[in-house]
Amino acid sequence: MNWSHQHLKEAGSTNDWAMAWLKQRSLTHPLLVTTDHQTSGRGQRGKTWEGQKGLDLAMSFVVPVRGPLHPPSLNKAVAVVVRQTLAGLDSSLDPVLEIKWPNDVLIRRNNQWEKVCGILVENVWRGAEWTHVVVGVGVNVNSNPDVERATSLKAMAGKEFDVPALAQTMASGILDTIQGGLKEAAAYANHLHGCHEARPFLVQGERRTGIFMGVNREGLGEFLWADRREDLPSTDVVWLWDQA
């Protein structure tokens, strides 16, 4: 194992804990932070992610940045690694797992797409220097989420999984892609959910129907509307599921 491991019985957010830890110490090697119960996990757009105690994965993996990295490629590579790690747990999972831009992982279950995993990548800067990457991953593993359009690996595969082992495998894959030049980013489009389908979106508060064409090199979503093409950041777009 090429990293330190800090396990917490309970944490508000493992990403917040890791970021606070970095402010107090100089970290020269990777650090894995896990918890039995995350009560205020953070997702995209400030959304919360709360797993069930002892049943789900809540982790943050802190990696020192050595050499140039391209942030949008980092996000894509991490999403691919997370999806691959989940797909490798059981043969039933690989055909039904897709990445929803920017960084959720969905499972197709009972003829609808449901969220099983959320990813939050945060960068740490000291002055003008990008020093660390904090990769937060939350996975519904063995729980039964009581949330609309959410499910778990157990619900899909019909069996329980080893949460601590999953954290170690996930960390290994993330470290490999960061140290290996983010090669996995090239496969991002192959697993991207909802491409080339007409569907409704909420764009800066306005409902629009258009086609999601993919994600460009800078991490912007590419959209085709009735009157134009447009590249948008994920913070401007909400997926609407009434026609998904």
Foldseek 3Di string as FASTA:
>chain_A
DFEAEAEEQEEQAQLVVVVVVVVVDPDDTKYKYWYQWHNFYAAPPRDGDTEDGNQKTKMKMKGWADDDDQVLLLQLLLLLLLQVLLCVVDVQFNVFWFAEPPHFIWGQDPNDTATFKGWDWDWDDDVPDTTMIMIIMIGRFGDQDPDPRHGHSCVRPVDHDDRVVSSVSSNVSSVCCSVVRSPSSVCSVVRYPQAPDWAWKQFQNRIFTWGFHQADPNGWTWTDGPVGIDTHHPSRIDGDDPPD
